[in-house]
PDB file of N, CA and C in Angstrom:
ATOM      1  N   UNK A   1       0.831  -1.171   0.000  1.00  0.00           N
ATOM      2  CA  UNK A   1       0.000   0.000   0.000  1.00  0.00           C
ATOM      3  C   UNK A   1       0.879   1.240   0.000  1.00  0.00           C
ATOM      4  N   UNK A   2       0.524   2.195  -0.857  1.00  0.00           N
ATOM      5  CA  UNK A   2       1.214   3.478  -0.911  1.00  0.00           C
ATOM      6  C   UNK A   2       0.331   4.553  -0.310  1.00  0.00           C
ATOM      7  N   UNK A   3       0.957   5.541   0.296  1.00  0.00           N
ATOM      8  CA  UNK A   3       0.240   6.707   0.774  1.00  0.00           C
ATOM      9  C   UNK A   3       0.534   7.847  -0.191  1.00  0.00           C
ATOM     10  N   UNK A   4      -0.508   8.397  -0.772  1.00  0.00           N
ATOM     11  CA  UNK A   4      -0.385   9.545  -1.660  1.00  0.00           C
ATOM     12  C   UNK A   4      -0.828  10.775  -0.875  1.00  0.00           C
ATOM     13  N   UNK A   5      -0.044  11.844  -0.935  1.00  0.00           N
ATOM     14  CA  UNK A   5      -0.453  13.100  -0.312  1.00  0.00           C
ATOM     15  C   UNK A   5      -0.673  14.126  -1.412  1.00  0.00           C
ATOM     16  N   UNK A   6      -1.745  14.867  -1.266  1.00  0.00           N
ATOM     17  CA  UNK A   6      -2.126  15.870  -2.261  1.00  0.00           C
ATOM     18  C   UNK A   6      -2.253  17.209  -1.550  1.00  0.00           C
ATOM     19  N   UNK A   7      -1.646  18.266  -2.104  1.00  0.00           N
ATOM     20  CA  UNK A   7      -1.701  19.551  -1.418  1.00  0.00           C
ATOM     21  C   UNK A   7      -2.467  20.637  -2.167  1.00  0.00           C
ATOM     22  N   UNK A   8      -3.031  20.337  -3.324  1.00  0.00           N
ATOM     23  CA  UNK A   8      -3.768  21.358  -4.085  1.00  0.00           C
ATOM     24  C   UNK A   8      -5.252  21.009  -4.150  1.00  0.00           C
ATOM     25  N   UNK A   9      -6.060  22.019  -4.040  1.00  0.00           N
ATOM     26  CA  UNK A   9      -7.505  21.825  -4.080  1.00  0.00           C
ATOM     27  C   UNK A   9      -7.938  21.340  -5.463  1.00  0.00           C
ATOM     28  N   UNK A  10      -8.847  20.373  -5.518  1.00  0.00           N
ATOM     29  CA  UNK A  10      -9.338  19.926  -6.816  1.00  0.00           C
ATOM     30  C   UNK A  10     -10.153  21.000  -7.530  1.00  0.00           C
ATOM     31  N   UNK A  11     -10.550  22.037  -6.809  1.00  0.00           N
ATOM     32  CA  UNK A  11     -11.307  23.129  -7.412  1.00  0.00           C
ATOM     33  C   UNK A  11     -10.412  24.072  -8.216  1.00  0.00           C
ATOM     34  N   UNK A  12      -9.098  24.045  -7.945  1.00  0.00           N
ATOM     35  CA  UNK A  12      -8.195  24.992  -8.604  1.00  0.00           C
ATOM     36  C   UNK A  12      -7.035  24.346  -9.350  1.00  0.00           C
ATOM     37  N   UNK A  13      -6.896  23.033  -9.246  1.00  0.00           N
ATOM     38  CA  UNK A  13      -5.772  22.334  -9.880  1.00  0.00           C
ATOM     39  C   UNK A  13      -6.225  20.961 -10.355  1.00  0.00           C
ATOM     40  N   UNK A  14      -5.624  20.495 -11.405  1.00  0.00           N
ATOM     41  CA  UNK A  14      -5.950  19.168 -11.942  1.00  0.00           C
ATOM     42  C   UNK A  14      -4.963  18.085 -11.500  1.00  0.00           C
ATOM     43  N   UNK A  15      -4.023  18.424 -10.618  1.00  0.00           N
ATOM     44  CA  UNK A  15      -3.025  17.449 -10.190  1.00  0.00           C
ATOM     45  C   UNK A  15      -3.681  16.249  -9.499  1.00  0.00           C
ATOM     46  N   UNK A  16      -4.876  16.450  -8.925  1.00  0.00           N
ATOM     47  CA  UNK A  16      -5.577  15.331  -8.291  1.00  0.00           C
ATOM     48  C   UNK A  16      -5.832  14.207  -9.290  1.00  0.00           C
ATOM     49  N   UNK A  17      -6.030  14.544 -10.572  1.00  0.00           N
ATOM     50  CA  UNK A  17      -6.273  13.522 -11.595  1.00  0.00           C
ATOM     51  C   UNK A  17      -5.054  12.619 -11.761  1.00  0.00           C
ATOM     52  N   UNK A  18      -3.868  13.194 -11.714  1.00  0.00           N
ATOM     53  CA  UNK A  18      -2.642  12.404 -11.812  1.00  0.00           C
ATOM     54  C   UNK A  18      -2.497  11.494 -10.600  1.00  0.00           C
ATOM     55  N   UNK A  19      -2.806  12.018  -9.426  1.00  0.00           N
ATOM     56  CA  UNK A  19      -2.716  11.220  -8.201  1.00  0.00           C
ATOM     57  C   UNK A  19      -3.678  10.039  -8.268  1.00  0.00           C
ATOM     58  N   UNK A  20      -4.917  10.300  -8.651  1.00  0.00           N
ATOM     59  CA  UNK A  20      -5.910   9.223  -8.728  1.00  0.00           C
ATOM     60  C   UNK A  20      -5.525   8.180  -9.767  1.00  0.00           C
ATOM     61  N   UNK A  21      -4.984   8.612 -10.895  1.00  0.00           N
ATOM     62  CA  UNK A  21      -4.576   7.677 -11.948  1.00  0.00           C
ATOM     63  C   UNK A  21      -3.430   6.780 -11.492  1.00  0.00           C
ATOM     64  N   UNK A  22      -2.603   7.279 -10.585  1.00  0.00           N
ATOM     65  CA  UNK A  22      -1.446   6.515 -10.113  1.00  0.00           C
ATOM     66  C   UNK A  22      -1.783   5.591  -8.943  1.00  0.00           C
ATOM     67  N   UNK A  23      -2.942   5.763  -8.353  1.00  0.00           N
ATOM     68  CA  UNK A  23      -3.294   4.993  -7.164  1.00  0.00           C
ATOM     69  C   UNK A  23      -3.707   3.569  -7.495  1.00  0.00           C
ATOM     70  N   UNK A  24      -3.225   2.647  -6.674  1.00  0.00           N
ATOM     71  CA  UNK A  24      -3.650   1.256  -6.746  1.00  0.00           C
ATOM     72  C   UNK A  24      -4.886   1.055  -5.884  1.00  0.00           C
ATOM     73  N   UNK A  25      -5.484  -0.124  -5.967  1.00  0.00           N
ATOM     74  CA  UNK A  25      -6.737  -0.382  -5.249  1.00  0.00           C
ATOM     75  C   UNK A  25      -6.626  -0.373  -3.718  1.00  0.00           C
ATOM     76  N   UNK A  26      -5.441  -0.523  -3.190  1.00  0.00           N
ATOM     77  CA  UNK A  26      -5.246  -0.506  -1.739  1.00  0.00           C
ATOM     78  C   UNK A  26      -4.616   0.791  -1.245  1.00  0.00           C
ATOM     79  N   UNK A  27      -4.194   1.647  -2.165  1.00  0.00           N
ATOM     80  CA  UNK A  27      -3.518   2.889  -1.795  1.00  0.00           C
ATOM     81  C   UNK A  27      -4.472   3.838  -1.081  1.00  0.00           C
ATOM     82  N   UNK A  28      -3.872   4.736  -0.320  1.00  0.00           N
ATOM     83  CA  UNK A  28      -4.633   5.741   0.422  1.00  0.00           C
ATOM     84  C   UNK A  28      -4.242   7.129  -0.051  1.00  0.00           C
ATOM     85  N   UNK A  29      -5.176   8.072   0.109  1.00  0.00           N
ATOM     86  CA  UNK A  29      -4.930   9.461  -0.278  1.00  0.00           C
ATOM     87  C   UNK A  29      -5.169  10.365   0.922  1.00  0.00           C
ATOM     88  N   UNK A  30      -4.155  11.155   1.259  1.00  0.00           N
ATOM     89  CA  UNK A  30      -4.246  12.110   2.355  1.00  0.00           C
ATOM     90  C   UNK A  30      -4.267  13.519   1.770  1.00  0.00           C
ATOM     91  N   UNK A  31      -5.313  14.268   2.084  1.00  0.00           N
ATOM     92  CA  UNK A  31      -5.442  15.655   1.652  1.00  0.00           C
ATOM     93  C   UNK A  31      -4.779  16.551   2.692  1.00  0.00           C
ATOM     94  N   UNK A  32      -3.844  17.385   2.241  1.00  0.00           N
ATOM     95  CA  UNK A  32      -3.139  18.308   3.124  1.00  0.00           C
ATOM     96  C   UNK A  32      -3.193  19.702   2.511  1.00  0.00           C
ATOM     97  N   UNK A  33      -2.836  20.690   3.314  1.00  0.00           N
ATOM     98  CA  UNK A  33      -2.797  22.080   2.879  1.00  0.00           C
ATOM     99  C   UNK A  33      -4.113  22.442   2.177  1.00  0.00           C
ATOM    100  N   UNK A  34      -4.084  23.084   1.003  1.00  0.00           N
ATOM    101  CA  UNK A  34      -5.319  23.499   0.326  1.00  0.00           C
ATOM    102  C   UNK A  34      -6.158  22.339  -0.188  1.00  0.00           C
ATOM    103  N   UNK A  35      -5.576  21.168  -0.308  1.00  0.00           N
ATOM    104  CA  UNK A  35      -6.331  20.006  -0.794  1.00  0.00           C
ATOM    105  C   UNK A  35      -7.434  19.588   0.172  1.00  0.00           C
ATOM    106  N   UNK A  36      -7.350  20.008   1.446  1.00  0.00           N
ATOM    107  CA  UNK A  36      -8.408  19.629   2.384  1.00  0.00           C
ATOM    108  C   UNK A  36      -9.763  20.166   1.948  1.00  0.00           C
ATOM    109  N   UNK A  37      -9.786  21.160   1.083  1.00  0.00           N
ATOM    110  CA  UNK A  37     -11.052  21.656   0.539  1.00  0.00           C
ATOM    111  C   UNK A  37     -11.797  20.537  -0.185  1.00  0.00           C
ATOM    112  N   UNK A  38     -11.059  19.582  -0.718  1.00  0.00           N
ATOM    113  CA  UNK A  38     -11.654  18.448  -1.409  1.00  0.00           C
ATOM    114  C   UNK A  38     -12.451  17.534  -0.501  1.00  0.00           C
ATOM    115  N   UNK A  39     -12.312  17.700   0.810  1.00  0.00           N
ATOM    116  CA  UNK A  39     -13.067  16.896   1.777  1.00  0.00           C
ATOM    117  C   UNK A  39     -14.471  17.455   2.010  1.00  0.00           C
ATOM    118  N   UNK A  40     -14.746  18.631   1.494  1.00  0.00           N
ATOM    119  CA  UNK A  40     -16.075  19.229   1.641  1.00  0.00           C
ATOM    120  C   UNK A  40     -17.080  18.478   0.767  1.00  0.00           C
ATOM    121  N   UNK A  41     -18.304  18.334   1.231  1.00  0.00           N
ATOM    122  CA  UNK A  41     -19.310  17.581   0.454  1.00  0.00           C
ATOM    123  C   UNK A  41     -19.450  18.047  -0.991  1.00  0.00           C
ATOM    124  N   UNK A  42     -19.357  19.342  -1.238  1.00  0.00           N
ATOM    125  CA  UNK A  42     -19.541  19.840  -2.605  1.00  0.00           C
ATOM    126  C   UNK A  42     -18.392  19.482  -3.552  1.00  0.00           C
ATOM    127  N   UNK A  43     -17.248  19.079  -3.006  1.00  0.00           N
ATOM    128  CA  UNK A  43     -16.101  18.718  -3.847  1.00  0.00           C
ATOM    129  C   UNK A  43     -15.783  17.226  -3.823  1.00  0.00           C
ATOM    130  N   UNK A  44     -16.546  16.452  -3.074  1.00  0.00           N
ATOM    131  CA  UNK A  44     -16.279  15.015  -2.951  1.00  0.00           C
ATOM    132  C   UNK A  44     -16.416  14.275  -4.287  1.00  0.00           C
ATOM    133  N   UNK A  45     -17.111  14.864  -5.240  1.00  0.00           N
ATOM    134  CA  UNK A  45     -17.273  14.200  -6.550  1.00  0.00           C
ATOM    135  C   UNK A  45     -15.919  13.906  -7.203  1.00  0.00           C
ATOM    136  N   UNK A  46     -14.896  14.672  -6.838  1.00  0.00           N
ATOM    137  CA  UNK A  46     -13.565  14.447  -7.398  1.00  0.00           C
ATOM    138  C   UNK A  46     -12.921  13.172  -6.857  1.00  0.00           C
ATOM    139  N   UNK A  47     -13.412  12.672  -5.736  1.00  0.00           N
ATOM    140  CA  UNK A  47     -12.781  11.534  -5.074  1.00  0.00           C
ATOM    141  C   UNK A  47     -13.713  10.333  -4.948  1.00  0.00           C
ATOM    142  N   UNK A  48     -14.621  10.200  -5.881  1.00  0.00           N
ATOM    143  CA  UNK A  48     -15.538   9.057  -5.899  1.00  0.00           C
ATOM    144  C   UNK A  48     -14.733   7.755  -5.977  1.00  0.00           C
ATOM    145  N   UNK A  49     -15.150   6.780  -5.198  1.00  0.00           N
ATOM    146  CA  UNK A  49     -14.493   5.483  -5.219  1.00  0.00           C
ATOM    147  C   UNK A  49     -13.389   5.321  -4.187  1.00  0.00           C
ATOM    148  N   UNK A  50     -13.119   6.360  -3.406  1.00  0.00           N
ATOM    149  CA  UNK A  50     -12.052   6.277  -2.405  1.00  0.00           C
ATOM    150  C   UNK A  50     -12.588   6.069  -0.993  1.00  0.00           C
ATOM    151  N   UNK A  51     -13.835   5.667  -0.873  1.00  0.00           N
ATOM    152  CA  UNK A  51     -14.421   5.463   0.444  1.00  0.00           C
ATOM    153  C   UNK A  51     -13.529   4.539   1.271  1.00  0.00           C
ATOM    154  N   UNK A  52     -13.241   4.979   2.497  1.00  0.00           N
ATOM    155  CA  UNK A  52     -12.383   4.208   3.385  1.00  0.00           C
ATOM    156  C   UNK A  52     -10.897   4.414   3.145  1.00  0.00           C
ATOM    157  N   UNK A  53     -10.542   5.130   2.083  1.00  0.00           N
ATOM    158  CA  UNK A  53      -9.122   5.350   1.757  1.00  0.00           C
ATOM    159  C   UNK A  53      -8.784   6.826   1.607  1.00  0.00           C
ATOM    160  N   UNK A  54      -9.737   7.707   1.957  1.00  0.00           N
ATOM    161  CA  UNK A  54      -9.528   9.147   1.819  1.00  0.00           C
ATOM    162  C   UNK A  54      -9.438   9.781   3.206  1.00  0.00           C
ATOM    163  N   UNK A  55      -8.351  10.532   3.418  1.00  0.00           N
ATOM    164  CA  UNK A  55      -8.061  11.148   4.703  1.00  0.00           C
ATOM    165  C   UNK A  55      -7.820  12.644   4.509  1.00  0.00           C
ATOM    166  N   UNK A  56      -8.057  13.412   5.559  1.00  0.00           N
ATOM    167  CA  UNK A  56      -7.754  14.850   5.544  1.00  0.00           C
ATOM    168  C   UNK A  56      -7.043  15.197   6.846  1.00  0.00           C
ATOM    169  N   UNK A  57      -6.078  16.081   6.748  1.00  0.00           N
ATOM    170  CA  UNK A  57      -5.286  16.472   7.908  1.00  0.00           C
ATOM    171  C   UNK A  57      -6.022  17.538   8.722  1.00  0.00           C
ATOM    172  N   UNK A  58      -6.323  17.211   9.970  1.00  0.00           N
ATOM    173  CA  UNK A  58      -7.092  18.089  10.867  1.00  0.00           C
ATOM    174  C   UNK A  58      -6.471  19.484  10.992  1.00  0.00           C
ATOM    175  N   UNK A  59      -5.169  19.551  11.181  1.00  0.00           N
ATOM    176  CA  UNK A  59      -4.527  20.846  11.377  1.00  0.00           C
ATOM    177  C   UNK A  59      -4.751  21.775  10.183  1.00  0.00           C
ATOM    178  N   UNK A  60      -4.772  21.218   8.977  1.00  0.00           N
ATOM    179  CA  UNK A  60      -5.014  22.045   7.793  1.00  0.00           C
ATOM    180  C   UNK A  60      -6.488  22.425   7.660  1.00  0.00           C
ATOM    181  N   UNK A  61      -7.378  21.548   8.106  1.00  0.00           N
ATOM    182  CA  UNK A  61      -8.798  21.907   8.145  1.00  0.00           C
ATOM    183  C   UNK A  61      -9.024  23.063   9.112  1.00  0.00           C
ATOM    184  N   UNK A  62      -8.427  22.971  10.296  1.00  0.00           N
ATOM    185  CA  UNK A  62      -8.565  24.018  11.307  1.00  0.00           C
ATOM    186  C   UNK A  62      -8.006  25.340  10.781  1.00  0.00           C
ATOM    187  N   UNK A  63      -6.838  25.294  10.170  1.00  0.00           N
ATOM    188  CA  UNK A  63      -6.188  26.508   9.669  1.00  0.00           C
ATOM    189  C   UNK A  63      -7.034  27.220   8.613  1.00  0.00           C
ATOM    190  N   UNK A  64      -7.901  26.477   7.926  1.00  0.00           N
ATOM    191  CA  UNK A  64      -8.736  27.051   6.870  1.00  0.00           C
ATOM    192  C   UNK A  64     -10.188  27.245   7.302  1.00  0.00           C
ATOM    193  N   UNK A  65     -10.449  27.026   8.583  1.00  0.00           N
ATOM    194  CA  UNK A  65     -11.801  27.202   9.101  1.00  0.00           C
ATOM    195  C   UNK A  65     -12.784  26.174   8.586  1.00  0.00           C
ATOM    196  N   UNK A  66     -12.313  24.969   8.257  1.00  0.00           N
ATOM    197  CA  UNK A  66     -13.153  23.936   7.661  1.00  0.00           C
ATOM    198  C   UNK A  66     -13.446  22.754   8.579  1.00  0.00           C
ATOM    199  N   UNK A  67     -12.940  22.788   9.795  1.00  0.00           N
ATOM    200  CA  UNK A  67     -13.167  21.665  10.704  1.00  0.00           C
ATOM    201  C   UNK A  67     -14.665  21.504  10.948  1.00  0.00           C
ATOM    202  N   UNK A  68     -15.137  20.272  10.915  1.00  0.00           N
ATOM    203  CA  UNK A  68     -16.546  19.975  11.128  1.00  0.00           C
ATOM    204  C   UNK A  68     -17.402  20.097   9.884  1.00  0.00           C
ATOM    205  N   UNK A  69     -16.803  20.453   8.755  1.00  0.00           N
ATOM    206  CA  UNK A  69     -17.559  20.638   7.521  1.00  0.00           C
ATOM    207  C   UNK A  69     -17.312  19.537   6.494  1.00  0.00           C
ATOM    208  N   UNK A  70     -16.510  18.554   6.831  1.00  0.00           N
ATOM    209  CA  UNK A  70     -16.131  17.510   5.879  1.00  0.00           C
ATOM    210  C   UNK A  70     -17.262  16.518   5.620  1.00  0.00           C
ATOM    211  N   UNK A  71     -17.187  15.894   4.470  1.00  0.00           N
ATOM    212  CA  UNK A  71     -18.083  14.801   4.146  1.00  0.00           C
ATOM    213  C   UNK A  71     -17.844  13.679   5.160  1.00  0.00           C
ATOM    214  N   UNK A  72     -18.908  13.003   5.598  1.00  0.00           N
ATOM    215  CA  UNK A  72     -18.740  11.944   6.613  1.00  0.00           C
ATOM    216  C   UNK A  72     -17.850  10.781   6.164  1.00  0.00           C
ATOM    217  N   UNK A  73     -17.662  10.614   4.874  1.00  0.00           N
ATOM    218  CA  UNK A  73     -16.842   9.496   4.398  1.00  0.00           C
ATOM    219  C   UNK A  73     -15.340   9.768   4.513  1.00  0.00           C
ATOM    220  N   UNK A  74     -14.962  11.004   4.780  1.00  0.00           N
ATOM    221  CA  UNK A  74     -13.548  11.378   4.904  1.00  0.00           C
ATOM    222  C   UNK A  74     -13.078  11.105   6.322  1.00  0.00           C
ATOM    223  N   UNK A  75     -11.953  10.429   6.438  1.00  0.00           N
ATOM    224  CA  UNK A  75     -11.369  10.143   7.749  1.00  0.00           C
ATOM    225  C   UNK A  75     -10.416  11.284   8.112  1.00  0.00           C
ATOM    226  N   UNK A  76     -10.669  11.906   9.237  1.00  0.00           N
ATOM    227  CA  UNK A  76      -9.849  13.034   9.686  1.00  0.00           C
ATOM    228  C   UNK A  76      -8.734  12.495  10.580  1.00  0.00           C
ATOM    229  N   UNK A  77      -7.496  12.904  10.274  1.00  0.00           N
ATOM    230  CA  UNK A  77      -6.349  12.493  11.076  1.00  0.00           C
ATOM    231  C   UNK A  77      -5.563  13.732  11.501  1.00  0.00           C
ATOM    232  N   UNK A  78      -4.949  13.640  12.672  1.00  0.00           N
ATOM    233  CA  UNK A  78      -4.052  14.702  13.116  1.00  0.00           C
ATOM    234  C   UNK A  78      -2.632  14.342  12.674  1.00  0.00           C
ATOM    235  N   UNK A  79      -1.665  15.121  13.123  1.00  0.00           N
ATOM    236  CA  UNK A  79      -0.274  14.872  12.715  1.00  0.00           C
ATOM    237  C   UNK A  79       0.176  13.474  13.139  1.00  0.00           C
ATOM    238  N   UNK A  80      -0.226  13.032  14.320  1.00  0.00           N
ATOM    239  CA  UNK A  80       0.133  11.680  14.752  1.00  0.00           C
ATOM    240  C   UNK A  80      -0.477  10.629  13.818  1.00  0.00           C
ATOM    241  N   UNK A  81      -1.709  10.869  13.369  1.00  0.00           N
ATOM    242  CA  UNK A  81      -2.347   9.968  12.413  1.00  0.00           C
ATOM    243  C   UNK A  81      -1.629   9.965  11.077  1.00  0.00           C
ATOM    244  N   UNK A  82      -1.128  11.121  10.677  1.00  0.00           N
ATOM    245  CA  UNK A  82      -0.340  11.239   9.450  1.00  0.00           C
ATOM    246  C   UNK A  82       0.911  10.366   9.566  1.00  0.00           C
ATOM    247  N   UNK A  83       1.575  10.462  10.711  1.00  0.00           N
ATOM    248  CA  UNK A  83       2.776   9.648  10.945  1.00  0.00           C
ATOM    249  C   UNK A  83       2.423   8.161  10.877  1.00  0.00           C
ATOM    250  N   UNK A  84       1.320   7.770  11.493  1.00  0.00           N
ATOM    251  CA  UNK A  84       0.883   6.380  11.461  1.00  0.00           C
ATOM    252  C   UNK A  84       0.616   5.913  10.030  1.00  0.00           C
ATOM    253  N   UNK A  85      -0.044   6.748   9.226  1.00  0.00           N
ATOM    254  CA  UNK A  85      -0.295   6.387   7.824  1.00  0.00           C
ATOM    255  C   UNK A  85       1.014   6.168   7.067  1.00  0.00           C
ATOM    256  N   UNK A  86       2.011   7.022   7.328  1.00  0.00           N
ATOM    257  CA  UNK A  86       3.295   6.850   6.640  1.00  0.00           C
ATOM    258  C   UNK A  86       4.008   5.589   7.096  1.00  0.00           C
ATOM    259  N   UNK A  87       3.866   5.242   8.378  1.00  0.00           N
ATOM    260  CA  UNK A  87       4.496   4.019   8.884  1.00  0.00           C
ATOM    261  C   UNK A  87       3.852   2.767   8.285  1.00  0.00           C
ATOM    262  N   UNK A  88       2.559   2.814   8.025  1.00  0.00           N
ATOM    263  CA  UNK A  88       1.847   1.671   7.469  1.00  0.00           C
ATOM    264  C   UNK A  88       2.107   1.495   5.967  1.00  0.00           C
ATOM    265  N   UNK A  89       2.516   2.564   5.304  1.00  0.00           N
ATOM    266  CA  UNK A  89       2.719   2.526   3.861  1.00  0.00           C
ATOM    267  C   UNK A  89       4.113   2.041   3.488  1.00  0.00           C
ATOM    268  N   UNK A  90       4.195   1.405   2.330  1.00  0.00           N
ATOM    269  CA  UNK A  90       5.510   0.996   1.802  1.00  0.00           C
ATOM    270  C   UNK A  90       6.338   2.220   1.463  1.00  0.00           C
ATOM    271  N   UNK A  91       5.678   3.216   0.873  1.00  0.00           N
ATOM    272  CA  UNK A  91       6.314   4.490   0.594  1.00  0.00           C
ATOM    273  C   UNK A  91       5.238   5.558   0.430  1.00  0.00           C
ATOM    274  N   UNK A  92       5.678   6.806   0.432  1.00  0.00           N
ATOM    275  CA  UNK A  92       4.768   7.934   0.299  1.00  0.00           C
ATOM    276  C   UNK A  92       5.082   8.669  -0.994  1.00  0.00           C
ATOM    277  N   UNK A  93       4.020   9.042  -1.704  1.00  0.00           N
ATOM    278  CA  UNK A  93       4.158   9.800  -2.952  1.00  0.00           C
ATOM    279  C   UNK A  93       3.441  11.117  -2.757  1.00  0.00           C
ATOM    280  N   UNK A  94       4.153  12.231  -3.013  1.00  0.00           N
ATOM    281  CA  UNK A  94       3.550  13.554  -2.833  1.00  0.00           C
ATOM    282  C   UNK A  94       3.188  14.154  -4.174  1.00  0.00           C
ATOM    283  N   UNK A  95       2.006  14.747  -4.246  1.00  0.00           N
ATOM    284  CA  UNK A  95       1.488  15.388  -5.457  1.00  0.00           C
ATOM    285  C   UNK A  95       1.315  16.873  -5.176  1.00  0.00           C
ATOM    286  N   UNK A  96       2.101  17.711  -5.909  1.00  0.00           N
ATOM    287  CA  UNK A  96       2.076  19.152  -5.703  1.00  0.00           C
ATOM    288  C   UNK A  96       1.850  19.859  -7.015  1.00  0.00           C
TER     289      UNK A  96
END
Protein backbone atom coordinates (compact mmCIF):
# COMPACT_ATOMS: atom_id res chain seq x y z
CA UNK A 1 0.00 0.00 0.00
CA UNK A 2 1.21 3.48 -0.91
CA UNK A 3 0.24 6.71 0.77
CA UNK A 4 -0.38 9.54 -1.66
CA UNK A 5 -0.45 13.10 -0.31
CA UNK A 6 -2.13 15.87 -2.26
CA UNK A 7 -1.70 19.55 -1.42
CA UNK A 8 -3.77 21.36 -4.08
CA UNK A 9 -7.51 21.82 -4.08
CA UNK A 10 -9.34 19.93 -6.82
CA UNK A 11 -11.31 23.13 -7.41
CA UNK A 12 -8.19 24.99 -8.60
CA UNK A 13 -5.77 22.33 -9.88
CA UNK A 14 -5.95 19.17 -11.94
CA UNK A 15 -3.03 17.45 -10.19
CA UNK A 16 -5.58 15.33 -8.29
CA UNK A 17 -6.27 13.52 -11.59
CA UNK A 18 -2.64 12.40 -11.81
CA UNK A 19 -2.72 11.22 -8.20
CA UNK A 20 -5.91 9.22 -8.73
CA UNK A 21 -4.58 7.68 -11.95
CA UNK A 22 -1.45 6.51 -10.11
CA UNK A 23 -3.29 4.99 -7.16
CA UNK A 24 -3.65 1.26 -6.75
CA UNK A 25 -6.74 -0.38 -5.25
CA UNK A 26 -5.25 -0.51 -1.74
CA UNK A 27 -3.52 2.89 -1.80
CA UNK A 28 -4.63 5.74 0.42
CA UNK A 29 -4.93 9.46 -0.28
CA UNK A 30 -4.25 12.11 2.36
CA UNK A 31 -5.44 15.66 1.65
CA UNK A 32 -3.14 18.31 3.12
CA UNK A 33 -2.80 22.08 2.88
CA UNK A 34 -5.32 23.50 0.33
CA UNK A 35 -6.33 20.01 -0.79
CA UNK A 36 -8.41 19.63 2.38
CA UNK A 37 -11.05 21.66 0.54
CA UNK A 38 -11.65 18.45 -1.41
CA UNK A 39 -13.07 16.90 1.78
CA UNK A 40 -16.08 19.23 1.64
CA UNK A 41 -19.31 17.58 0.45
CA UNK A 42 -19.54 19.84 -2.61
CA UNK A 43 -16.10 18.72 -3.85
CA UNK A 44 -16.28 15.02 -2.95
CA UNK A 45 -17.27 14.20 -6.55
CA UNK A 46 -13.56 14.45 -7.40
CA UNK A 47 -12.78 11.53 -5.07
CA UNK A 48 -15.54 9.06 -5.90
CA UNK A 49 -14.49 5.48 -5.22
CA UNK A 50 -12.05 6.28 -2.40
CA UNK A 51 -14.42 5.46 0.44
CA UNK A 52 -12.38 4.21 3.38
CA UNK A 53 -9.12 5.35 1.76
CA UNK A 54 -9.53 9.15 1.82
CA UNK A 55 -8.06 11.15 4.70
CA UNK A 56 -7.75 14.85 5.54
CA UNK A 57 -5.29 16.47 7.91
CA UNK A 58 -7.09 18.09 10.87
CA UNK A 59 -4.53 20.85 11.38
CA UNK A 60 -5.01 22.04 7.79
CA UNK A 61 -8.80 21.91 8.14
CA UNK A 62 -8.56 24.02 11.31
CA UNK A 63 -6.19 26.51 9.67
CA UNK A 64 -8.74 27.05 6.87
CA UNK A 65 -11.80 27.20 9.10
CA UNK A 66 -13.15 23.94 7.66
CA UNK A 67 -13.17 21.67 10.70
CA UNK A 68 -16.55 19.97 11.13
CA UNK A 69 -17.56 20.64 7.52
CA UNK A 70 -16.13 17.51 5.88
CA UNK A 71 -18.08 14.80 4.15
CA UNK A 72 -18.74 11.94 6.61
CA UNK A 73 -16.84 9.50 4.40
CA UNK A 74 -13.55 11.38 4.90
CA UNK A 75 -11.37 10.14 7.75
CA UNK A 76 -9.85 13.03 9.69
CA UNK A 77 -6.35 12.49 11.08
CA UNK A 78 -4.05 14.70 13.12
CA UNK A 79 -0.27 14.87 12.71
CA UNK A 80 0.13 11.68 14.75
CA UNK A 81 -2.35 9.97 12.41
CA UNK A 82 -0.34 11.24 9.45
CA UNK A 83 2.78 9.65 10.94
CA UNK A 84 0.88 6.38 11.46
CA UNK A 85 -0.30 6.39 7.82
CA UNK A 86 3.29 6.85 6.64
CA UNK A 87 4.50 4.02 8.88
CA UNK A 88 1.85 1.67 7.47
CA UNK A 89 2.72 2.53 3.86
CA UNK A 90 5.51 1.00 1.80
CA UNK A 91 6.31 4.49 0.59
CA UNK A 92 4.77 7.93 0.30
CA UNK A 93 4.16 9.80 -2.95
CA UNK A 94 3.55 13.55 -2.83
CA UNK A 95 1.49 15.39 -5.46
CA UNK A 96 2.08 19.15 -5.70
